[in-house]
């Protein structure tokens, strides 16, 4: 394996332009991993990206990139419904893989992806990796210590977000005027793209979910971007009710309406028989909880306690994605499992799939997947 690792990136849209490409262009990142190829179905966007970030070659699809570039790993930043196809292609070519959230759209896809990973003997990391930030383990320790007693009720939420509002999309040219319509199509929407943060965090602290029910609605049937009308194909507000394997009951809210100015986006509260834990501050660019309270006692965790976030990486957007990728790079070098595991991502994929089915049918759904925290 070469050092630095050779990476190919598929999906040169908003996430790549605002965050991933600037992070990976920094000198400290390039000591460990270098982009040697990019691909996008908009070939002009791929070409302009390669020119801007001094990437040697560009391609119009992942198959051409896999055939035409020597790669160690593939970074998948495409729309959610394409994640499975692109990850399977990379694994079939013997490449390690980083997959943006949600990892796939169905449990069947997630099962097939992890089976292919194991058969190929490659590593896969799947966003978002809350295990990479110390607050997660600290809050889990609070629960395990019994300080809260038995946790009876849990709550988490993510609200007030829409891809059409991202400032980059108001610009001109292939690297800025990036159509957000995919977000509102089948397989995407707030639940797998935004609520996934809340579900990943709460399962990181409380463990797997046993069964789920949900309700959903569509308040705004159409949205607009640069004068273009976008029909909304998915529910834009979701209320997900969960029973954890521990018996705790939880609620996750994911919606396109306005968020609270007082309750932090990506916040969480755990209510026990003897105490309460509440996240009181979230670092918005990363979604990492940086302060939580147990009763009246608060604990703060600096962003720099995340080992990869130093210097310019503290200022560039999407720092958590950079941390996910760098942990995968380290896992490849150290021959260990990535901390953003495919097993937890698979469980969250099933949770989302079951929540949608429950909202459509009114029938509580049993989950079959499990993972170890």
Protein backbone atom coordinates (compact mmCIF):
# COMPACT_ATOMS: atom_id res chain seq x y z
CA UNK A 1 0.00 0.00 0.00
CA UNK A 2 1.37 3.39 -1.00
CA UNK A 3 1.91 6.17 1.52
CA UNK A 4 0.19 8.57 1.17
CA UNK A 5 -2.85 6.57 0.09
CA UNK A 6 -4.25 7.29 -3.37
CA UNK A 7 -7.91 8.33 -3.26
CA UNK A 8 -10.58 8.77 -5.89
CA UNK A 9 -13.62 10.93 -5.14
CA UNK A 10 -17.02 10.40 -6.77
CA UNK A 11 -19.55 13.22 -6.45
CA UNK A 12 -18.14 16.75 -6.90
CA UNK A 13 -21.23 18.58 -5.63
CA UNK A 14 -21.89 20.90 -2.71
CA UNK A 15 -20.44 18.73 0.06
CA UNK A 16 -17.23 18.17 -1.89
CA UNK A 17 -16.79 21.82 -2.87
CA UNK A 18 -17.59 23.34 0.53
CA UNK A 19 -15.77 20.86 2.72
CA UNK A 20 -14.10 17.69 1.57
CA UNK A 21 -11.93 19.05 -1.23
CA UNK A 22 -10.62 22.02 0.80
CA UNK A 23 -9.83 19.72 3.76
CA UNK A 24 -7.99 17.16 1.63
CA UNK A 25 -6.01 19.94 -0.07
CA UNK A 26 -4.36 20.93 3.21
CA UNK A 27 -0.72 19.90 3.60
CA UNK A 28 -1.27 17.78 6.71
CA UNK A 29 -3.99 15.77 4.98
CA UNK A 30 -1.83 15.25 1.90
CA UNK A 31 0.84 13.60 4.06
CA UNK A 32 -1.57 10.69 4.52
CA UNK A 33 -3.96 10.69 1.56
CA UNK A 34 -3.92 12.36 -1.86
CA UNK A 35 -6.68 12.76 -4.38
CA UNK A 36 -5.47 11.35 -7.67
CA UNK A 37 -8.86 11.25 -9.44
CA UNK A 38 -12.34 12.77 -9.27
CA UNK A 39 -15.57 11.78 -11.00
CA UNK A 40 -19.01 13.28 -11.48
CA UNK A 41 -21.86 12.61 -13.90
CA UNK A 42 -21.53 16.29 -14.84
CA UNK A 43 -18.25 15.99 -16.71
CA UNK A 44 -17.69 19.75 -16.71
CA UNK A 45 -18.00 19.76 -12.91
CA UNK A 46 -15.48 16.92 -12.70
CA UNK A 47 -13.07 18.75 -15.00
CA UNK A 48 -13.40 22.09 -13.18
CA UNK A 49 -12.92 20.33 -9.84
CA UNK A 50 -9.77 18.62 -11.06
CA UNK A 51 -8.42 21.95 -12.33
CA UNK A 52 -9.23 23.86 -9.15
CA UNK A 53 -7.76 21.28 -6.78
CA UNK A 54 -4.89 20.08 -8.97
CA UNK A 55 -6.19 16.53 -9.26
CA UNK A 56 -4.39 14.66 -12.06
CA UNK A 57 -7.39 13.06 -13.82
CA UNK A 58 -11.18 13.33 -13.95
CA UNK A 59 -13.96 11.03 -15.15
CA UNK A 60 -17.68 11.05 -15.88
CA UNK A 61 -18.54 7.98 -13.79
CA UNK A 62 -17.13 5.66 -11.16
CA UNK A 63 -16.52 2.76 -13.54
CA UNK A 64 -14.28 4.88 -15.75
CA UNK A 65 -12.44 6.15 -12.66
CA UNK A 66 -11.88 2.64 -11.30
CA UNK A 67 -10.59 1.48 -14.67
CA UNK A 68 -8.48 4.54 -15.39
CA UNK A 69 -6.81 5.43 -12.09
CA UNK A 70 -4.63 3.56 -9.56
CA UNK A 71 -6.55 3.91 -6.29
CA UNK A 72 -6.36 2.61 -2.74
CA UNK A 73 -9.69 3.99 -1.58
CA UNK A 74 -12.82 5.61 -2.98
CA UNK A 75 -14.67 8.50 -1.29
CA UNK A 76 -18.39 8.42 -2.15
CA UNK A 77 -20.18 11.79 -1.90
CA UNK A 78 -22.96 11.20 -4.42
CA UNK A 79 -26.73 11.48 -3.72
CA UNK A 80 -28.04 8.86 -1.30
CA UNK A 81 -29.78 6.61 -3.87
CA UNK A 82 -26.43 6.12 -5.66
CA UNK A 83 -24.38 5.13 -2.59
CA UNK A 84 -25.01 1.39 -2.89
CA UNK A 85 -24.15 1.17 -6.59
CA UNK A 86 -20.99 3.21 -6.20
CA UNK A 87 -19.79 1.46 -3.04
CA UNK A 88 -20.36 -1.97 -4.55
CA UNK A 89 -18.40 -1.00 -7.67
CA UNK A 90 -15.48 0.22 -5.58
CA UNK A 91 -15.47 -2.90 -3.40
CA UNK A 92 -15.66 -5.15 -6.46
CA UNK A 93 -12.52 -3.40 -7.68
CA UNK A 94 -10.79 -4.19 -4.36
CA UNK A 95 -10.83 -0.63 -3.01
CA UNK A 96 -11.43 0.58 0.54
CA UNK A 97 -14.54 2.77 0.75
CA UNK A 98 -15.86 5.80 2.59
CA UNK A 99 -19.63 6.27 2.16
CA UNK A 100 -21.54 9.40 3.05
CA UNK A 101 -24.80 9.11 4.99
CA UNK A 102 -27.13 7.35 4.75
CA UNK A 103 -24.98 4.40 3.72
CA UNK A 104 -27.72 2.83 1.58
CA UNK A 105 -31.47 3.19 1.12
CA UNK A 106 -32.50 -0.30 2.32
CA UNK A 107 -31.40 -2.97 4.78
CA UNK A 108 -31.04 -5.46 1.92
CA UNK A 109 -28.55 -3.15 0.22
CA UNK A 110 -26.67 -2.62 3.48
CA UNK A 111 -26.46 -6.38 4.10
CA UNK A 112 -25.15 -6.97 0.58
CA UNK A 113 -22.61 -4.15 0.91
CA UNK A 114 -21.14 -5.44 4.17
CA UNK A 115 -21.04 -8.99 2.84
CA UNK A 116 -19.15 -7.76 -0.23
CA UNK A 117 -16.76 -5.81 2.03
CA UNK A 118 -15.98 -8.92 4.06
CA UNK A 119 -15.53 -11.10 1.01
CA UNK A 120 -13.17 -8.59 -0.61
CA UNK A 121 -11.22 -8.01 2.60
CA UNK A 122 -11.43 -4.22 2.35
CA UNK A 123 -12.38 -1.60 4.92
CA UNK A 124 -15.54 0.51 4.83
CA UNK A 125 -16.34 3.59 6.89
CA UNK A 126 -19.82 5.10 6.87
CA UNK A 127 -20.88 8.57 8.03
CA UNK A 128 -21.57 10.14 10.41
CA UNK A 129 -18.88 8.93 12.82
CA UNK A 130 -19.94 10.13 16.26
CA UNK A 131 -17.56 7.57 17.76
CA UNK A 132 -14.72 9.82 16.60
CA UNK A 133 -15.66 12.58 19.06
CA UNK A 134 -15.03 12.15 22.82
CA UNK A 135 -18.44 13.42 23.97
CA UNK A 136 -20.11 10.26 22.70
CA UNK A 137 -18.07 7.94 24.92
CA UNK A 138 -18.37 10.33 27.87
CA UNK A 139 -22.18 10.39 27.63
CA UNK A 140 -22.27 6.61 27.24
CA UNK A 141 -20.18 6.32 30.41
CA UNK A 142 -22.67 8.52 32.27
CA UNK A 143 -25.48 6.16 31.28
CA UNK A 144 -23.45 3.04 32.17
CA UNK A 145 -22.46 4.48 35.56
CA UNK A 146 -26.07 4.56 36.73
CA UNK A 147 -25.93 8.30 37.40
CA UNK A 148 -29.26 8.71 35.60
CA UNK A 149 -30.80 5.58 37.07
CA UNK A 150 -32.68 3.65 34.41
CA UNK A 151 -33.11 5.79 31.30
CA UNK A 152 -36.83 5.86 30.61
CA UNK A 153 -37.23 8.47 27.85
CA UNK A 154 -34.88 9.91 25.24
CA UNK A 155 -35.31 12.76 22.78
CA UNK A 156 -33.26 14.09 19.88
CA UNK A 157 -33.97 16.37 16.95
CA UNK A 158 -32.69 17.93 13.74
CA UNK A 159 -34.79 20.65 12.13
CA UNK A 160 -34.77 23.68 9.89
CA UNK A 161 -32.58 22.60 6.97
CA UNK A 162 -32.95 22.49 3.20
CA UNK A 163 -30.29 21.96 0.57
CA UNK A 164 -31.80 24.60 -1.69
CA UNK A 165 -30.77 27.25 0.86
CA UNK A 166 -27.03 26.47 0.80
CA UNK A 167 -25.21 29.64 -0.18
CA UNK A 168 -22.89 27.86 -2.62
CA UNK A 169 -25.87 26.93 -4.81
CA UNK A 170 -26.62 30.61 -5.42
CA UNK A 171 -23.36 31.06 -7.31
CA UNK A 172 -22.64 30.61 -11.00
CA UNK A 173 -20.86 27.92 -12.96
CA UNK A 174 -20.44 24.18 -12.64
CA UNK A 175 -18.84 24.37 -9.19
CA UNK A 176 -21.55 26.54 -7.64
CA UNK A 177 -24.91 26.29 -9.43
CA UNK A 178 -25.43 22.75 -8.12
CA UNK A 179 -29.02 21.50 -8.45
CA UNK A 180 -30.42 20.22 -5.10
CA UNK A 181 -33.43 18.42 -6.61
CA UNK A 182 -32.10 14.94 -5.69
CA UNK A 183 -32.66 15.71 -2.01
CA UNK A 184 -36.43 15.81 -2.50
CA UNK A 185 -36.70 12.61 -4.53
CA UNK A 186 -37.50 9.05 -3.44
CA UNK A 187 -34.75 7.55 -1.32
CA UNK A 188 -33.57 10.92 -0.01
CA UNK A 189 -35.17 13.71 2.07
CA UNK A 190 -34.75 14.83 5.67
CA UNK A 191 -34.96 11.38 7.25
CA UNK A 192 -31.88 9.72 5.66
CA UNK A 193 -29.95 12.92 5.02
CA UNK A 194 -30.47 14.96 8.20
CA UNK A 195 -32.34 12.96 10.85
CA UNK A 196 -29.65 10.32 10.32
CA UNK A 197 -27.42 12.47 12.57
CA UNK A 198 -29.90 12.28 15.44
CA UNK A 199 -30.40 8.55 14.96
CA UNK A 200 -26.67 7.85 14.73
CA UNK A 201 -25.97 9.85 17.89
CA UNK A 202 -28.74 8.40 20.02
CA UNK A 203 -27.92 4.82 19.03
CA UNK A 204 -24.23 5.53 19.76
CA UNK A 205 -25.22 6.34 23.34
CA UNK A 206 -28.14 3.98 23.97
CA UNK A 207 -27.37 1.12 21.59
CA UNK A 208 -29.62 -0.59 19.04
CA UNK A 209 -33.35 -0.13 18.56
CA UNK A 210 -35.73 -3.08 18.89
CA UNK A 211 -38.82 -1.67 17.22
CA UNK A 212 -40.06 1.59 15.73
CA UNK A 213 -43.20 3.41 14.74
CA UNK A 214 -43.50 6.80 13.07
CA UNK A 215 -45.67 9.54 11.67
CA UNK A 216 -44.83 11.86 8.80
CA UNK A 217 -46.37 14.65 6.76
CA UNK A 218 -45.66 16.86 3.78
CA UNK A 219 -46.36 20.48 4.62
CA UNK A 220 -44.66 22.10 1.61
CA UNK A 221 -45.39 20.18 -1.62
CA UNK A 222 -43.10 22.33 -3.77
CA UNK A 223 -39.88 24.24 -3.29
CA UNK A 224 -37.99 26.61 -5.53
CA UNK A 225 -34.34 26.91 -6.49
CA UNK A 226 -33.10 29.62 -8.89
CA UNK A 227 -36.58 29.97 -10.38
CA UNK A 228 -36.99 26.22 -10.84
CA UNK A 229 -39.93 24.50 -9.14
CA UNK A 230 -39.07 21.25 -7.33
CA UNK A 231 -41.88 18.81 -6.54
CA UNK A 232 -41.39 17.13 -3.16
CA UNK A 233 -41.68 13.33 -3.38
CA UNK A 234 -40.93 12.51 0.26
CA UNK A 235 -42.31 13.51 3.66
CA UNK A 236 -40.65 16.69 4.84
CA UNK A 237 -41.51 16.23 8.55
CA UNK A 238 -40.91 13.02 10.47
CA UNK A 239 -41.61 11.91 14.03
CA UNK A 240 -39.83 8.62 14.81
CA UNK A 241 -40.70 6.72 18.00
CA UNK A 242 -38.31 3.99 19.10
CA UNK A 243 -38.09 1.24 21.68
CA UNK A 244 -34.44 0.48 22.38
CA UNK A 245 -33.18 -3.00 23.24
CA UNK A 246 -32.64 -1.67 26.79
CA UNK A 247 -36.35 -0.81 27.08
CA UNK A 248 -35.80 2.96 26.83
CA UNK A 249 -38.40 4.79 24.74
CA UNK A 250 -37.09 7.47 22.42
CA UNK A 251 -38.32 10.12 19.99
CA UNK A 252 -36.38 11.59 17.08
CA UNK A 253 -37.74 14.55 15.14
CA UNK A 254 -36.46 15.34 11.66
CA UNK A 255 -38.15 18.08 9.71
CA UNK A 256 -37.91 20.90 7.19
CA UNK A 257 -39.66 23.48 9.39
CA UNK A 258 -37.91 26.13 11.47
CA UNK A 259 -35.72 24.94 14.32
CA UNK A 260 -35.61 26.15 17.90
CA UNK A 261 -33.33 29.08 18.72
CA UNK A 262 -32.82 27.58 22.22
CA UNK A 263 -32.56 23.81 21.69
CA UNK A 264 -29.41 23.03 19.69
CA UNK A 265 -29.71 21.32 16.32
CA UNK A 266 -28.61 17.73 16.85
CA UNK A 267 -29.29 18.00 20.57
CA UNK A 268 -30.33 15.09 22.77
CA UNK A 269 -31.85 14.60 26.21
CA UNK A 270 -31.98 11.44 28.32
CA UNK A 271 -34.48 11.27 31.19
CA UNK A 272 -33.79 8.65 33.85
CA UNK A 273 -35.28 7.56 37.16
CA UNK A 274 -32.54 9.43 39.07
CA UNK A 275 -31.22 12.09 36.74
CA UNK A 276 -31.25 13.88 33.39
CA UNK A 277 -28.55 14.33 30.74
CA UNK A 278 -29.00 17.14 28.23
CA UNK A 279 -26.80 18.29 25.38
CA UNK A 280 -26.63 22.06 25.74
CA UNK A 281 -24.25 22.97 22.90
CA UNK A 282 -23.55 21.50 19.47
CA UNK A 283 -20.80 22.64 17.12
CA UNK A 284 -23.02 23.34 14.12
CA UNK A 285 -20.50 22.82 11.28
CA UNK A 286 -19.73 19.29 12.51
CA UNK A 287 -22.80 18.26 14.50
CA UNK A 288 -20.47 17.22 17.35
CA UNK A 289 -21.94 17.85 20.83
CA UNK A 290 -19.47 20.07 22.69
CA UNK A 291 -21.29 20.57 25.99
CA UNK A 292 -23.70 18.49 28.02
CA UNK A 293 -25.20 18.74 31.48
CA UNK A 294 -26.00 16.07 34.04
CA UNK A 295 -28.30 17.86 36.41
CA UNK A 296 -26.66 21.22 37.08
CA UNK A 297 -23.12 20.04 36.34
CA UNK A 298 -21.90 20.81 32.82
CA UNK A 299 -19.06 19.17 30.89
CA UNK A 300 -17.43 20.89 27.91
CA UNK A 301 -15.39 19.16 25.22
CA UNK A 302 -13.23 21.28 22.91
CA UNK A 303 -13.37 20.59 19.19
CA UNK A 304 -9.61 20.09 19.26
CA UNK A 305 -10.09 16.95 21.37
CA UNK A 306 -10.98 15.36 18.04
CA UNK A 307 -7.51 14.25 16.89
CA UNK A 308 -7.78 15.30 13.23
CA UNK A 309 -9.19 18.80 13.72
CA UNK A 310 -6.30 21.23 13.91
CA UNK A 311 -5.36 24.50 12.21
CA UNK A 312 -7.32 25.23 9.04
CA UNK A 313 -9.53 22.17 9.58
CA UNK A 314 -11.25 24.03 12.43
CA UNK A 315 -12.43 26.68 9.96
CA UNK A 316 -13.31 24.67 6.83
CA UNK A 317 -16.90 23.43 6.51
CA UNK A 318 -17.86 19.79 7.13
CA UNK A 319 -15.00 18.99 9.54
CA UNK A 320 -16.69 15.76 10.69
CA UNK A 321 -16.54 14.35 7.16
CA UNK A 322 -12.82 15.06 7.05
CA UNK A 323 -12.42 13.31 10.42
CA UNK A 324 -14.36 10.28 9.15
CA UNK A 325 -12.09 10.02 6.11
CA UNK A 326 -8.88 10.45 8.07
CA UNK A 327 -9.89 7.78 10.57
CA UNK A 328 -10.47 5.40 7.65
CA UNK A 329 -7.02 6.28 6.29
CA UNK A 330 -5.53 5.55 9.72
CA UNK A 331 -7.51 2.30 9.99
CA UNK A 332 -6.11 1.14 6.65
CA UNK A 333 -2.56 1.92 7.77
CA UNK A 334 -3.00 0.31 11.20
CA UNK A 335 -5.08 -2.60 9.89
CA UNK A 336 -7.91 -1.99 12.35
CA UNK A 337 -11.66 -1.45 11.91
CA UNK A 338 -12.75 2.14 11.18
CA UNK A 339 -14.56 3.76 14.10
CA UNK A 340 -17.45 4.88 11.86
CA UNK A 341 -18.65 1.33 11.37
CA UNK A 342 -20.73 -0.11 8.58
CA UNK A 343 -22.60 -2.19 11.17
CA UNK A 344 -24.00 0.85 12.97
CA UNK A 345 -24.73 2.54 9.64
CA UNK A 346 -26.65 -0.57 8.56
CA UNK A 347 -28.73 -0.46 11.75
CA UNK A 348 -29.58 3.20 11.16
CA UNK A 349 -30.48 2.42 7.53
CA UNK A 350 -32.91 -0.23 8.76
CA UNK A 351 -34.27 2.19 11.37
CA UNK A 352 -34.98 4.77 8.66
CA UNK A 353 -36.49 2.17 6.32
CA UNK A 354 -38.73 0.82 9.10
CA UNK A 355 -39.75 4.34 10.18
CA UNK A 356 -40.88 5.12 6.64
CA UNK A 357 -42.80 1.85 6.43
CA UNK A 358 -44.41 2.51 9.81
CA UNK A 359 -45.44 6.02 8.76
CA UNK A 360 -46.96 4.66 5.54
CA UNK A 361 -48.80 1.72 7.11
CA UNK A 362 -49.46 2.73 10.70
CA UNK A 363 -47.91 -0.58 11.81
CA UNK A 364 -45.05 -0.78 14.30
CA UNK A 365 -41.96 -2.39 12.74
CA UNK A 366 -39.51 -4.84 14.30
CA UNK A 367 -35.81 -4.36 13.53
CA UNK A 368 -33.57 -7.34 12.80
CA UNK A 369 -30.10 -5.75 12.67
CA UNK A 370 -27.86 -5.16 15.68
CA UNK A 371 -24.46 -3.61 16.34
CA UNK A 372 -22.10 -3.31 19.28
CA UNK A 373 -21.27 0.12 20.72
